Amino acid sequence: MKGRLLIAEDEPGIRNLLAQLFQAQGYTIDVAVDGLETIERLKETEYDLLLMDVNMPGRTGLEVLRHQDEVGRRIRTILMTALDEKEAMDEAKRLGVVAFFGKPFDIFELKKEVTVQISNDVSG
C-alpha cells in the first residue's frame, strides 16, 4: 500500500477524476463532498495526505484546517482553489499546508506533489 489519501472536493467531476487517478497509482482513497464530511472522515481515519478544495459547502478548507489545529491532529494538506486568495493562502501556510494548486491544475504536477508528500510522510 502506497498511502491513504482523503480527497475533499465538492465538484463531482474533479473528485472522481482525482479518486480514479490516485487509486490507479496504488493509493487507498476516501472522498468527502463537503467540509463537514471532511471533518468527520478525519476524526474516524488516519490519512497520509489530504487533498482539499478551499471553497466547499458546510465548512471551507480553512475551517477544516482550523478544526485540525483545535483537536491537535495534523495531516499534510494540499489545497486546490479556483480563486486567487492571497490572505487565505497566507493563513493556510500558517496552518501547515504543504502545497497549493490553482484550478485548473496540471494533473501531472499534482501527481508529482502527492508522491513527494507521501514519500516525506513515510520517510520522516
PDB file of N, CA and C in Angstrom:
ATOM      1  N   MET A   1       0.843  -1.186   0.000  1.00  0.00           N
ATOM      2  CA  MET A   1       0.000   0.000   0.000  1.00  0.00           C
ATOM      3  C   MET A   1       0.884   1.244   0.000  1.00  0.00           C
ATOM      4  N   LYS A   2       0.607   2.160  -0.918  1.00  0.00           N
ATOM      5  CA  LYS A   2       1.401   3.385  -1.046  1.00  0.00           C
ATOM      6  C   LYS A   2       1.069   4.419   0.013  1.00  0.00           C
ATOM      7  N   GLY A   3      -0.163   4.512   0.424  1.00  0.00           N
ATOM      8  CA  GLY A   3      -0.596   5.521   1.380  1.00  0.00           C
ATOM      9  C   GLY A   3      -2.093   5.718   1.269  1.00  0.00           C
ATOM     10  N   ARG A   4      -2.644   6.411   2.259  1.00  0.00           N
ATOM     11  CA  ARG A   4      -4.090   6.651   2.289  1.00  0.00           C
ATOM     12  C   ARG A   4      -4.347   8.140   2.102  1.00  0.00           C
ATOM     13  N   LEU A   5      -5.163   8.480   1.098  1.00  0.00           N
ATOM     14  CA  LEU A   5      -5.492   9.863   0.773  1.00  0.00           C
ATOM     15  C   LEU A   5      -6.964  10.130   1.025  1.00  0.00           C
ATOM     16  N   LEU A   6      -7.234  11.333   1.519  1.00  0.00           N
ATOM     17  CA  LEU A   6      -8.607  11.821   1.586  1.00  0.00           C
ATOM     18  C   LEU A   6      -8.722  12.946   0.571  1.00  0.00           C
ATOM     19  N   ILE A   7      -9.647  12.800  -0.361  1.00  0.00           N
ATOM     20  CA  ILE A   7      -9.897  13.814  -1.378  1.00  0.00           C
ATOM     21  C   ILE A   7     -11.192  14.521  -1.006  1.00  0.00           C
ATOM     22  N   ALA A   8     -11.082  15.804  -0.660  1.00  0.00           N
ATOM     23  CA  ALA A   8     -12.238  16.607  -0.253  1.00  0.00           C
ATOM     24  C   ALA A   8     -12.508  17.639  -1.339  1.00  0.00           C
ATOM     25  N   GLU A   9     -13.534  17.406  -2.113  1.00  0.00           N
ATOM     26  CA  GLU A   9     -13.842  18.236  -3.287  1.00  0.00           C
ATOM     27  C   GLU A   9     -15.337  18.151  -3.552  1.00  0.00           C
ATOM     28  N   ASP A  10     -15.998  19.312  -3.668  1.00  0.00           N
ATOM     29  CA  ASP A  10     -17.446  19.313  -3.882  1.00  0.00           C
ATOM     30  C   ASP A  10     -17.843  19.132  -5.342  1.00  0.00           C
ATOM     31  N   GLU A  11     -16.935  19.348  -6.272  1.00  0.00           N
ATOM     32  CA  GLU A  11     -17.256  19.164  -7.690  1.00  0.00           C
ATOM     33  C   GLU A  11     -17.066  17.694  -8.070  1.00  0.00           C
ATOM     34  N   PRO A  12     -18.163  16.993  -8.418  1.00  0.00           N
ATOM     35  CA  PRO A  12     -18.085  15.552  -8.671  1.00  0.00           C
ATOM     36  C   PRO A  12     -17.075  15.159  -9.752  1.00  0.00           C
ATOM     37  N   GLY A  13     -17.003  15.917 -10.827  1.00  0.00           N
ATOM     38  CA  GLY A  13     -16.077  15.568 -11.909  1.00  0.00           C
ATOM     39  C   GLY A  13     -14.629  15.571 -11.455  1.00  0.00           C
ATOM     40  N   ILE A  14     -14.236  16.604 -10.724  1.00  0.00           N
ATOM     41  CA  ILE A  14     -12.859  16.702 -10.221  1.00  0.00           C
ATOM     42  C   ILE A  14     -12.617  15.625  -9.163  1.00  0.00           C
ATOM     43  N   ARG A  15     -13.570  15.469  -8.247  1.00  0.00           N
ATOM     44  CA  ARG A  15     -13.441  14.469  -7.180  1.00  0.00           C
ATOM     45  C   ARG A  15     -13.249  13.071  -7.768  1.00  0.00           C
ATOM     46  N   ASN A  16     -14.079  12.708  -8.740  1.00  0.00           N
ATOM     47  CA  ASN A  16     -13.997  11.373  -9.338  1.00  0.00           C
ATOM     48  C   ASN A  16     -12.709  11.184 -10.124  1.00  0.00           C
ATOM     49  N   LEU A  17     -12.295  12.206 -10.872  1.00  0.00           N
ATOM     50  CA  LEU A  17     -11.045  12.137 -11.623  1.00  0.00           C
ATOM     51  C   LEU A  17      -9.865  11.883 -10.687  1.00  0.00           C
ATOM     52  N   LEU A  18      -9.778  12.666  -9.612  1.00  0.00           N
ATOM     53  CA  LEU A  18      -8.671  12.515  -8.666  1.00  0.00           C
ATOM     54  C   LEU A  18      -8.711  11.158  -7.974  1.00  0.00           C
ATOM     55  N   ALA A  19      -9.896  10.712  -7.592  1.00  0.00           N
ATOM     56  CA  ALA A  19     -10.025   9.411  -6.929  1.00  0.00           C
ATOM     57  C   ALA A  19      -9.553   8.291  -7.851  1.00  0.00           C
ATOM     58  N   GLN A  20      -9.991   8.324  -9.107  1.00  0.00           N
ATOM     59  CA  GLN A  20      -9.583   7.289 -10.059  1.00  0.00           C
ATOM     60  C   GLN A  20      -8.080   7.342 -10.335  1.00  0.00           C
ATOM     61  N   LEU A  21      -7.559   8.541 -10.517  1.00  0.00           N
ATOM     62  CA  LEU A  21      -6.132   8.707 -10.809  1.00  0.00           C
ATOM     63  C   LEU A  21      -5.272   8.133  -9.687  1.00  0.00           C
ATOM     64  N   PHE A  22      -5.549   8.521  -8.443  1.00  0.00           N
ATOM     65  CA  PHE A  22      -4.689   8.098  -7.346  1.00  0.00           C
ATOM     66  C   PHE A  22      -4.940   6.649  -6.931  1.00  0.00           C
ATOM     67  N   GLN A  23      -6.151   6.166  -7.139  1.00  0.00           N
ATOM     68  CA  GLN A  23      -6.410   4.755  -6.887  1.00  0.00           C
ATOM     69  C   GLN A  23      -5.622   3.905  -7.887  1.00  0.00           C
ATOM     70  N   ALA A  24      -5.569   4.338  -9.145  1.00  0.00           N
ATOM     71  CA  ALA A  24      -4.789   3.626 -10.165  1.00  0.00           C
ATOM     72  C   ALA A  24      -3.291   3.644  -9.847  1.00  0.00           C
ATOM     73  N   GLN A  25      -2.851   4.652  -9.081  1.00  0.00           N
ATOM     74  CA  GLN A  25      -1.452   4.749  -8.679  1.00  0.00           C
ATOM     75  C   GLN A  25      -1.136   3.868  -7.459  1.00  0.00           C
ATOM     76  N   GLY A  26      -2.160   3.231  -6.893  1.00  0.00           N
ATOM     77  CA  GLY A  26      -1.955   2.320  -5.782  1.00  0.00           C
ATOM     78  C   GLY A  26      -2.257   2.881  -4.406  1.00  0.00           C
ATOM     79  N   TYR A  27      -2.846   4.085  -4.349  1.00  0.00           N
ATOM     80  CA  TYR A  27      -3.207   4.680  -3.069  1.00  0.00           C
ATOM     81  C   TYR A  27      -4.582   4.192  -2.631  1.00  0.00           C
ATOM     82  N   THR A  28      -4.801   4.137  -1.334  1.00  0.00           N
ATOM     83  CA  THR A  28      -6.128   3.902  -0.784  1.00  0.00           C
ATOM     84  C   THR A  28      -6.814   5.265  -0.723  1.00  0.00           C
ATOM     85  N   ILE A  29      -8.013   5.348  -1.273  1.00  0.00           N
ATOM     86  CA  ILE A  29      -8.698   6.635  -1.431  1.00  0.00           C
ATOM     87  C   ILE A  29     -10.022   6.652  -0.689  1.00  0.00           C
ATOM     88  N   ASP A  30     -10.248   7.742   0.041  1.00  0.00           N
ATOM     89  CA  ASP A  30     -11.566   8.070   0.565  1.00  0.00           C
ATOM     90  C   ASP A  30     -11.907   9.440   0.012  1.00  0.00           C
ATOM     91  N   VAL A  31     -13.197   9.729  -0.111  1.00  0.00           N
ATOM     92  CA  VAL A  31     -13.620  11.032  -0.612  1.00  0.00           C
ATOM     93  C   VAL A  31     -14.610  11.673   0.346  1.00  0.00           C
ATOM     94  N   ALA A  32     -14.640  12.995   0.311  1.00  0.00           N
ATOM     95  CA  ALA A  32     -15.612  13.777   1.064  1.00  0.00           C
ATOM     96  C   ALA A  32     -16.166  14.841   0.122  1.00  0.00           C
ATOM     97  N   VAL A  33     -17.469  15.105   0.224  1.00  0.00           N
ATOM     98  CA  VAL A  33     -18.118  16.027  -0.707  1.00  0.00           C
ATOM     99  C   VAL A  33     -18.250  17.441  -0.165  1.00  0.00           C
ATOM    100  N   ASP A  34     -17.973  17.628   1.135  1.00  0.00           N
ATOM    101  CA  ASP A  34     -18.033  18.969   1.714  1.00  0.00           C
ATOM    102  C   ASP A  34     -17.152  19.032   2.962  1.00  0.00           C
ATOM    103  N   GLY A  35     -17.087  20.200   3.560  1.00  0.00           N
ATOM    104  CA  GLY A  35     -16.223  20.394   4.711  1.00  0.00           C
ATOM    105  C   GLY A  35     -16.642  19.601   5.934  1.00  0.00           C
ATOM    106  N   LEU A  36     -17.947  19.472   6.158  1.00  0.00           N
ATOM    107  CA  LEU A  36     -18.430  18.718   7.318  1.00  0.00           C
ATOM    108  C   LEU A  36     -18.056  17.241   7.211  1.00  0.00           C
ATOM    109  N   GLU A  37     -18.248  16.672   6.030  1.00  0.00           N
ATOM    110  CA  GLU A  37     -17.882  15.266   5.824  1.00  0.00           C
ATOM    111  C   GLU A  37     -16.365  15.091   5.958  1.00  0.00           C
ATOM    112  N   THR A  38     -15.603  16.080   5.510  1.00  0.00           N
ATOM    113  CA  THR A  38     -14.146  16.018   5.630  1.00  0.00           C
ATOM    114  C   THR A  38     -13.746  15.932   7.099  1.00  0.00           C
ATOM    115  N   ILE A  39     -14.322  16.772   7.934  1.00  0.00           N
ATOM    116  CA  ILE A  39     -14.017  16.753   9.364  1.00  0.00           C
ATOM    117  C   ILE A  39     -14.368  15.396   9.968  1.00  0.00           C
ATOM    118  N   GLU A  40     -15.527  14.852   9.612  1.00  0.00           N
ATOM    119  CA  GLU A  40     -15.937  13.543  10.140  1.00  0.00           C
ATOM    120  C   GLU A  40     -14.956  12.448   9.726  1.00  0.00           C
ATOM    121  N   ARG A  41     -14.565  12.451   8.469  1.00  0.00           N
ATOM    122  CA  ARG A  41     -13.616  11.427   7.999  1.00  0.00           C
ATOM    123  C   ARG A  41     -12.272  11.550   8.723  1.00  0.00           C
ATOM    124  N   LEU A  42     -11.831  12.781   8.952  1.00  0.00           N
ATOM    125  CA  LEU A  42     -10.560  12.993   9.653  1.00  0.00           C
ATOM    126  C   LEU A  42     -10.628  12.511  11.099  1.00  0.00           C
ATOM    127  N   LYS A  43     -11.802  12.581  11.697  1.00  0.00           N
ATOM    128  CA  LYS A  43     -11.980  12.076  13.067  1.00  0.00           C
ATOM    129  C   LYS A  43     -11.905  10.554  13.103  1.00  0.00           C
ATOM    130  N   GLU A  44     -12.426   9.924  12.041  1.00  0.00           N
ATOM    131  CA  GLU A  44     -12.573   8.468  12.013  1.00  0.00           C
ATOM    132  C   GLU A  44     -11.334   7.726  11.543  1.00  0.00           C
ATOM    133  N   THR A  45     -10.542   8.341  10.674  1.00  0.00           N
ATOM    134  CA  THR A  45      -9.488   7.617   9.967  1.00  0.00           C
ATOM    135  C   THR A  45      -8.189   8.413   9.951  1.00  0.00           C
ATOM    136  N   GLU A  46      -7.062   7.708  10.013  1.00  0.00           N
ATOM    137  CA  GLU A  46      -5.743   8.332   9.866  1.00  0.00           C
ATOM    138  C   GLU A  46      -5.393   8.364   8.375  1.00  0.00           C
ATOM    139  N   TYR A  47      -5.027   9.537   7.882  1.00  0.00           N
ATOM    140  CA  TYR A  47      -4.651   9.698   6.475  1.00  0.00           C
ATOM    141  C   TYR A  47      -3.208  10.165   6.376  1.00  0.00           C
ATOM    142  N   ASP A  48      -2.576   9.793   5.264  1.00  0.00           N
ATOM    143  CA  ASP A  48      -1.219  10.253   4.982  1.00  0.00           C
ATOM    144  C   ASP A  48      -1.227  11.629   4.330  1.00  0.00           C
ATOM    145  N   LEU A  49      -2.332  11.944   3.637  1.00  0.00           N
ATOM    146  CA  LEU A  49      -2.408  13.213   2.914  1.00  0.00           C
ATOM    147  C   LEU A  49      -3.865  13.588   2.682  1.00  0.00           C
ATOM    148  N   LEU A  50      -4.124  14.885   2.792  1.00  0.00           N
ATOM    149  CA  LEU A  50      -5.445  15.440   2.493  1.00  0.00           C
ATOM    150  C   LEU A  50      -5.309  16.336   1.271  1.00  0.00           C
ATOM    151  N   LEU A  51      -6.074  16.039   0.250  1.00  0.00           N
ATOM    152  CA  LEU A  51      -6.126  16.841  -0.973  1.00  0.00           C
ATOM    153  C   LEU A  51      -7.491  17.520  -0.945  1.00  0.00           C
ATOM    154  N   MET A  52      -7.497  18.865  -0.724  1.00  0.00           N
ATOM    155  CA  MET A  52      -8.752  19.535  -0.382  1.00  0.00           C
ATOM    156  C   MET A  52      -8.970  20.829  -1.159  1.00  0.00           C
ATOM    157  N   ASP A  53     -10.215  21.016  -1.575  1.00  0.00           N
ATOM    158  CA  ASP A  53     -10.650  22.265  -2.177  1.00  0.00           C
ATOM    159  C   ASP A  53     -10.786  23.315  -1.069  1.00  0.00           C
ATOM    160  N   VAL A  54     -10.495  24.568  -1.389  1.00  0.00           N
ATOM    161  CA  VAL A  54     -10.637  25.639  -0.401  1.00  0.00           C
ATOM    162  C   VAL A  54     -12.113  25.982  -0.205  1.00  0.00           C
ATOM    163  N   ASN A  55     -12.855  26.120  -1.296  1.00  0.00           N
ATOM    164  CA  ASN A  55     -14.254  26.570  -1.225  1.00  0.00           C
ATOM    165  C   ASN A  55     -15.206  25.394  -1.361  1.00  0.00           C
ATOM    166  N   MET A  56     -15.700  24.933  -0.215  1.00  0.00           N
ATOM    167  CA  MET A  56     -16.657  23.825  -0.185  1.00  0.00           C
ATOM    168  C   MET A  56     -17.841  24.233   0.686  1.00  0.00           C
ATOM    169  N   PRO A  57     -19.004  23.620   0.443  1.00  0.00           N
ATOM    170  CA  PRO A  57     -20.137  23.873   1.329  1.00  0.00           C
ATOM    171  C   PRO A  57     -19.906  23.225   2.699  1.00  0.00           C
ATOM    172  N   GLY A  58     -20.663  23.665   3.674  1.00  0.00           N
ATOM    173  CA  GLY A  58     -20.567  23.091   5.017  1.00  0.00           C
ATOM    174  C   GLY A  58     -19.470  23.734   5.837  1.00  0.00           C
ATOM    175  N   ARG A  59     -18.242  23.562   5.438  1.00  0.00           N
ATOM    176  CA  ARG A  59     -17.067  24.194   6.034  1.00  0.00           C
ATOM    177  C   ARG A  59     -16.066  24.416   4.909  1.00  0.00           C
ATOM    178  N   THR A  60     -15.411  25.562   4.930  1.00  0.00           N
ATOM    179  CA  THR A  60     -14.378  25.819   3.922  1.00  0.00           C
ATOM    180  C   THR A  60     -13.133  25.011   4.266  1.00  0.00           C
ATOM    181  N   GLY A  61     -12.226  24.951   3.318  1.00  0.00           N
ATOM    182  CA  GLY A  61     -10.955  24.280   3.575  1.00  0.00           C
ATOM    183  C   GLY A  61     -10.219  24.880   4.759  1.00  0.00           C
ATOM    184  N   LEU A  62     -10.256  26.201   4.892  1.00  0.00           N
ATOM    185  CA  LEU A  62      -9.586  26.850   6.027  1.00  0.00           C
ATOM    186  C   LEU A  62     -10.250  26.466   7.348  1.00  0.00           C
ATOM    187  N   GLU A  63     -11.566  26.351   7.362  1.00  0.00           N
ATOM    188  CA  GLU A  63     -12.260  25.934   8.586  1.00  0.00           C
ATOM    189  C   GLU A  63     -11.885  24.503   8.960  1.00  0.00           C
ATOM    190  N   VAL A  64     -11.752  23.653   7.967  1.00  0.00           N
ATOM    191  CA  VAL A  64     -11.313  22.275   8.228  1.00  0.00           C
ATOM    192  C   VAL A  64      -9.908  22.291   8.836  1.00  0.00           C
ATOM    193  N   LEU A  65      -9.015  23.101   8.265  1.00  0.00           N
ATOM    194  CA  LEU A  65      -7.653  23.198   8.805  1.00  0.00           C
ATOM    195  C   LEU A  65      -7.655  23.702  10.245  1.00  0.00           C
ATOM    196  N   ARG A  66      -8.470  24.696  10.531  1.00  0.00           N
ATOM    197  CA  ARG A  66      -8.564  25.224  11.907  1.00  0.00           C
ATOM    198  C   ARG A  66      -9.075  24.145  12.854  1.00  0.00           C
ATOM    199  N   HIS A  67     -10.012  23.338  12.388  1.00  0.00           N
ATOM    200  CA  HIS A  67     -10.549  22.257  13.214  1.00  0.00           C
ATOM    201  C   HIS A  67      -9.443  21.260  13.565  1.00  0.00           C
ATOM    202  N   GLN A  68      -8.605  20.919  12.605  1.00  0.00           N
ATOM    203  CA  GLN A  68      -7.493  20.001  12.876  1.00  0.00           C
ATOM    204  C   GLN A  68      -6.588  20.568  13.953  1.00  0.00           C
ATOM    205  N   ASP A  69      -6.351  21.862  13.879  1.00  0.00           N
ATOM    206  CA  ASP A  69      -5.488  22.523  14.847  1.00  0.00           C
ATOM    207  C   ASP A  69      -6.084  22.445  16.256  1.00  0.00           C
ATOM    208  N   GLU A  70      -7.386  22.616  16.360  1.00  0.00           N
ATOM    209  CA  GLU A  70      -8.065  22.575  17.660  1.00  0.00           C
ATOM    210  C   GLU A  70      -7.977  21.205  18.320  1.00  0.00           C
ATOM    211  N   VAL A  71      -8.102  20.150  17.549  1.00  0.00           N
ATOM    212  CA  VAL A  71      -8.075  18.807  18.132  1.00  0.00           C
ATOM    213  C   VAL A  71      -6.656  18.247  18.207  1.00  0.00           C
ATOM    214  N   GLY A  72      -5.689  18.991  17.676  1.00  0.00           N
ATOM    215  CA  GLY A  72      -4.298  18.581  17.786  1.00  0.00           C
ATOM    216  C   GLY A  72      -3.892  17.447  16.870  1.00  0.00           C
ATOM    217  N   ARG A  73      -4.679  17.199  15.846  1.00  0.00           N
ATOM    218  CA  ARG A  73      -4.376  16.119  14.900  1.00  0.00           C
ATOM    219  C   ARG A  73      -4.129  16.747  13.534  1.00  0.00           C
ATOM    220  N   ARG A  74      -2.878  16.794  13.132  1.00  0.00           N
ATOM    221  CA  ARG A  74      -2.489  17.434  11.870  1.00  0.00           C
ATOM    222  C   ARG A  74      -2.304  16.407  10.765  1.00  0.00           C
ATOM    223  N   ILE A  75      -2.587  16.816   9.570  1.00  0.00           N
ATOM    224  CA  ILE A  75      -2.355  15.980   8.393  1.00  0.00           C
ATOM    225  C   ILE A  75      -1.746  16.852   7.305  1.00  0.00           C
ATOM    226  N   ARG A  76      -0.795  16.296   6.573  1.00  0.00           N
ATOM    227  CA  ARG A  76      -0.242  17.021   5.423  1.00  0.00           C
ATOM    228  C   ARG A  76      -1.392  17.332   4.480  1.00  0.00           C
ATOM    229  N   THR A  77      -1.430  18.578   4.006  1.00  0.00           N
ATOM    230  CA  THR A  77      -2.562  19.021   3.187  1.00  0.00           C
ATOM    231  C   THR A  77      -2.082  19.752   1.952  1.00  0.00           C
ATOM    232  N   ILE A  78      -2.683  19.396   0.823  1.00  0.00           N
ATOM    233  CA  ILE A  78      -2.522  20.131  -0.431  1.00  0.00           C
ATOM    234  C   ILE A  78      -3.872  20.780  -0.705  1.00  0.00           C
ATOM    235  N   LEU A  79      -3.853  22.104  -0.888  1.00  0.00           N
ATOM    236  CA  LEU A  79      -5.092  22.829  -1.167  1.00  0.00           C
ATOM    237  C   LEU A  79      -5.228  23.124  -2.656  1.00  0.00           C
ATOM    238  N   MET A  80      -6.479  23.061  -3.128  1.00  0.00           N
ATOM    239  CA  MET A  80      -6.804  23.414  -4.501  1.00  0.00           C
ATOM    240  C   MET A  80      -7.825  24.547  -4.457  1.00  0.00           C
ATOM    241  N   THR A  81      -7.667  25.523  -5.337  1.00  0.00           N
ATOM    242  CA  THR A  81      -8.638  26.618  -5.375  1.00  0.00           C
ATOM    243  C   THR A  81      -8.729  27.215  -6.766  1.00  0.00           C
ATOM    244  N   ALA A  82      -9.920  27.692  -7.089  1.00  0.00           N
ATOM    245  CA  ALA A  82     -10.127  28.382  -8.358  1.00  0.00           C
ATOM    246  C   ALA A  82      -9.917  29.881  -8.191  1.00  0.00           C
ATOM    247  N   LEU A  83      -9.765  30.317  -6.965  1.00  0.00           N
ATOM    248  CA  LEU A  83      -9.661  31.747  -6.681  1.00  0.00           C
ATOM    249  C   LEU A  83      -8.241  32.120  -6.271  1.00  0.00           C
ATOM    250  N   ASP A  84      -7.889  33.367  -6.505  1.00  0.00           N
ATOM    251  CA  ASP A  84      -6.602  33.882  -6.061  1.00  0.00           C
ATOM    252  C   ASP A  84      -6.842  34.631  -4.754  1.00  0.00           C
ATOM    253  N   GLU A  85      -6.690  33.931  -3.657  1.00  0.00           N
ATOM    254  CA  GLU A  85      -6.978  34.493  -2.340  1.00  0.00           C
ATOM    255  C   GLU A  85      -5.698  34.545  -1.518  1.00  0.00           C
ATOM    256  N   LYS A  86      -4.920  35.615  -1.695  1.00  0.00           N
ATOM    257  CA  LYS A  86      -3.625  35.697  -1.017  1.00  0.00           C
ATOM    258  C   LYS A  86      -3.765  35.601   0.497  1.00  0.00           C
ATOM    259  N   GLU A  87      -4.724  36.301   1.065  1.00  0.00           N
ATOM    260  CA  GLU A  87      -4.900  36.280   2.520  1.00  0.00           C
ATOM    261  C   GLU A  87      -5.220  34.867   3.021  1.00  0.00           C
ATOM    262  N   ALA A  88      -6.097  34.182   2.304  1.00  0.00           N
ATOM    263  CA  ALA A  88      -6.455  32.812   2.679  1.00  0.00           C
ATOM    264  C   ALA A  88      -5.248  31.890   2.550  1.00  0.00           C
ATOM    265  N   MET A  89      -4.454  32.092   1.501  1.00  0.00           N
ATOM    266  CA  MET A  89      -3.270  31.262   1.302  1.00  0.00           C
ATOM    267  C   MET A  89      -2.238  31.500   2.400  1.00  0.00           C
ATOM    268  N   ASP A  90      -2.097  32.736   2.833  1.00  0.00           N
ATOM    269  CA  ASP A  90      -1.170  33.045   3.923  1.00  0.00           C
ATOM    270  C   ASP A  90      -1.598  32.334   5.203  1.00  0.00           C
ATOM    271  N   GLU A  91      -2.900  32.370   5.497  1.00  0.00           N
ATOM    272  CA  GLU A  91      -3.388  31.678   6.686  1.00  0.00           C
ATOM    273  C   GLU A  91      -3.189  30.170   6.551  1.00  0.00           C
ATOM    274  N   ALA A  92      -3.464  29.647   5.366  1.00  0.00           N
ATOM    275  CA  ALA A  92      -3.305  28.214   5.137  1.00  0.00           C
ATOM    276  C   ALA A  92      -1.858  27.777   5.374  1.00  0.00           C
ATOM    277  N   LYS A  93      -0.909  28.591   4.937  1.00  0.00           N
ATOM    278  CA  LYS A  93       0.508  28.271   5.187  1.00  0.00           C
ATOM    279  C   LYS A  93       0.783  28.217   6.683  1.00  0.00           C
ATOM    280  N   ARG A  94       0.232  29.166   7.422  1.00  0.00           N
ATOM    281  CA  ARG A  94       0.410  29.166   8.882  1.00  0.00           C
ATOM    282  C   ARG A  94      -0.212  27.924   9.518  1.00  0.00           C
ATOM    283  N   LEU A  95      -1.250  27.386   8.889  1.00  0.00           N
ATOM    284  CA  LEU A  95      -1.922  26.195   9.398  1.00  0.00           C
ATOM    285  C   LEU A  95      -1.282  24.899   8.890  1.00  0.00           C
ATOM    286  N   GLY A  96      -0.178  25.021   8.147  1.00  0.00           N
ATOM    287  CA  GLY A  96       0.597  23.844   7.774  1.00  0.00           C
ATOM    288  C   GLY A  96       0.366  23.258   6.398  1.00  0.00           C
ATOM    289  N   VAL A  97      -0.292  23.982   5.511  1.00  0.00           N
ATOM    290  CA  VAL A  97      -0.497  23.468   4.151  1.00  0.00           C
ATOM    291  C   VAL A  97       0.853  23.353   3.453  1.00  0.00           C
ATOM    292  N   VAL A  98       1.082  22.211   2.798  1.00  0.00           N
ATOM    293  CA  VAL A  98       2.385  21.952   2.179  1.00  0.00           C
ATOM    294  C   VAL A  98       2.464  22.389   0.720  1.00  0.00           C
ATOM    295  N   ALA A  99       1.303  22.545   0.044  1.00  0.00           N
ATOM    296  CA  ALA A  99       1.319  22.951  -1.364  1.00  0.00           C
ATOM    297  C   ALA A  99      -0.054  23.481  -1.767  1.00  0.00           C
ATOM    298  N   PHE A 100      -0.046  24.321  -2.798  1.00  0.00           N
ATOM    299  CA  PHE A 100      -1.274  24.907  -3.348  1.00  0.00           C
ATOM    300  C   PHE A 100      -1.320  24.643  -4.844  1.00  0.00           C
ATOM    301  N   PHE A 101      -2.526  24.378  -5.343  1.00  0.00           N
ATOM    302  CA  PHE A 101      -2.730  24.232  -6.777  1.00  0.00           C
ATOM    303  C   PHE A 101      -3.940  25.052  -7.184  1.00  0.00           C
ATOM    304  N   GLY A 102      -3.743  25.934  -8.153  1.00  0.00           N
ATOM    305  CA  GLY A 102      -4.847  26.699  -8.702  1.00  0.00           C
ATOM    306  C   GLY A 102      -5.603  25.857  -9.714  1.00  0.00           C
ATOM    307  N   LYS A 103      -6.912  26.040  -9.752  1.00  0.00           N
ATOM    308  CA  LYS A 103      -7.736  25.348 -10.753  1.00  0.00           C
ATOM    309  C   LYS A 103      -7.853  26.247 -11.970  1.00  0.00           C
ATOM    310  N   PRO A 104      -7.742  25.717 -13.155  1.00  0.00           N
ATOM    311  CA  PRO A 104      -7.436  24.318 -13.433  1.00  0.00           C
ATOM    312  C   PRO A 104      -5.961  24.017 -13.138  1.00  0.00           C
ATOM    313  N   PHE A 105      -5.704  22.843 -12.624  1.00  0.00           N
ATOM    314  CA  PHE A 105      -4.339  22.477 -12.259  1.00  0.00           C
ATOM    315  C   PHE A 105      -3.767  21.493 -13.266  1.00  0.00           C
ATOM    316  N   ASP A 106      -2.458  21.403 -13.267  1.00  0.00           N
ATOM    317  CA  ASP A 106      -1.741  20.444 -14.102  1.00  0.00           C
ATOM    318  C   ASP A 106      -1.756  19.109 -13.355  1.00  0.00           C
ATOM    319  N   ILE A 107      -2.460  18.140 -13.896  1.00  0.00           N
ATOM    320  CA  ILE A 107      -2.640  16.857 -13.221  1.00  0.00           C
ATOM    321  C   ILE A 107      -1.305  16.154 -12.985  1.00  0.00           C
ATOM    322  N   PHE A 108      -0.349  16.337 -13.888  1.00  0.00           N
ATOM    323  CA  PHE A 108       0.965  15.701 -13.733  1.00  0.00           C
ATOM    324  C   PHE A 108       1.748  16.334 -12.583  1.00  0.00           C
ATOM    325  N   GLU A 109       1.638  17.645 -12.441  1.00  0.00           N
ATOM    326  CA  GLU A 109       2.302  18.336 -11.333  1.00  0.00           C
ATOM    327  C   GLU A 109       1.663  17.931 -10.000  1.00  0.00           C
ATOM    328  N   LEU A 110       0.350  17.819  -9.985  1.00  0.00           N
ATOM    329  CA  LEU A 110      -0.347  17.401  -8.769  1.00  0.00           C
ATOM    330  C   LEU A 110       0.060  15.983  -8.385  1.00  0.00           C
ATOM    331  N   LYS A 111       0.108  15.111  -9.359  1.00  0.00           N
ATOM    332  CA  LYS A 111       0.509  13.725  -9.122  1.00  0.00           C
ATOM    333  C   LYS A 111       1.920  13.660  -8.538  1.00  0.00           C
ATOM    334  N   LYS A 112       2.814  14.463  -9.089  1.00  0.00           N
ATOM    335  CA  LYS A 112       4.189  14.520  -8.607  1.00  0.00           C
ATOM    336  C   LYS A 112       4.241  15.022  -7.160  1.00  0.00           C
ATOM    337  N   GLU A 113       3.479  16.064  -6.850  1.00  0.00           N
ATOM    338  CA  GLU A 113       3.472  16.629  -5.494  1.00  0.00           C
ATOM    339  C   GLU A 113       2.912  15.632  -4.478  1.00  0.00           C
ATOM    340  N   VAL A 114       1.876  14.902  -4.849  1.00  0.00           N
ATOM    341  CA  VAL A 114       1.324  13.884  -3.952  1.00  0.00           C
ATOM    342  C   VAL A 114       2.386  12.830  -3.660  1.00  0.00           C
ATOM    343  N   THR A 115       3.099  12.392  -4.673  1.00  0.00           N
ATOM    344  CA  THR A 115       4.161  11.399  -4.484  1.00  0.00           C
ATOM    345  C   THR A 115       5.239  11.926  -3.541  1.00  0.00           C
ATOM    346  N   VAL A 116       5.647  13.171  -3.730  1.00  0.00           N
ATOM    347  CA  VAL A 116       6.664  13.777  -2.869  1.00  0.00           C
ATOM    348  C   VAL A 116       6.175  13.840  -1.425  1.00  0.00           C
ATOM    349  N   GLN A 117       4.953  14.297  -1.220  1.00  0.00           N
ATOM    350  CA  GLN A 117       4.426  14.454   0.137  1.00  0.00           C
ATOM    351  C   GLN A 117       4.228  13.119   0.842  1.00  0.00           C
ATOM    352  N   ILE A 118       3.762  12.122   0.127  1.00  0.00           N
ATOM    353  CA  ILE A 118       3.603  10.797   0.726  1.00  0.00           C
ATOM    354  C   ILE A 118       4.972  10.230   1.075  1.00  0.00           C
ATOM    355  N   SER A 119       5.950  10.411   0.199  1.00  0.00           N
ATOM    356  CA  SER A 119       7.316   9.950   0.477  1.00  0.00           C
ATOM    357  C   SER A 119       7.881  10.634   1.699  1.00  0.00           C
ATOM    358  N   ASN A 120       7.652  11.944   1.828  1.00  0.00           N
ATOM    359  CA  ASN A 120       8.110  12.695   3.004  1.00  0.00           C
ATOM    360  C   ASN A 120       7.450  12.187   4.273  1.00  0.00           C
ATOM    361  N   ASP A 121       6.163  11.857   4.162  1.00  0.00           N
ATOM    362  CA  ASP A 121       5.429  11.374   5.325  1.00  0.00           C
ATOM    363  C   ASP A 121       5.975  10.024   5.788  1.00  0.00           C
ATOM    364  N   VAL A 122       6.255   9.162   4.832  1.00  0.00           N
ATOM    365  CA  VAL A 122       6.739   7.824   5.152  1.00  0.00           C
ATOM    366  C   VAL A 122       8.175   7.873   5.665  1.00  0.00           C
ATOM    367  N   SER A 123       8.999   8.733   5.063  1.00  0.00           N
ATOM    368  CA  SER A 123      10.413   8.750   5.419  1.00  0.00           C
ATOM    369  C   SER A 123      10.725   9.662   6.602  1.00  0.00           C
ATOM    370  N   GLY A 124       9.842  10.561   6.951  1.00  0.00           N
ATOM    371  CA  GLY A 124      10.218  11.432   8.051  1.00  0.00           C
ATOM    372  C   GLY A 124       9.101  12.179   8.575  1.00  0.00           C
TER     373      GLY A 124
END
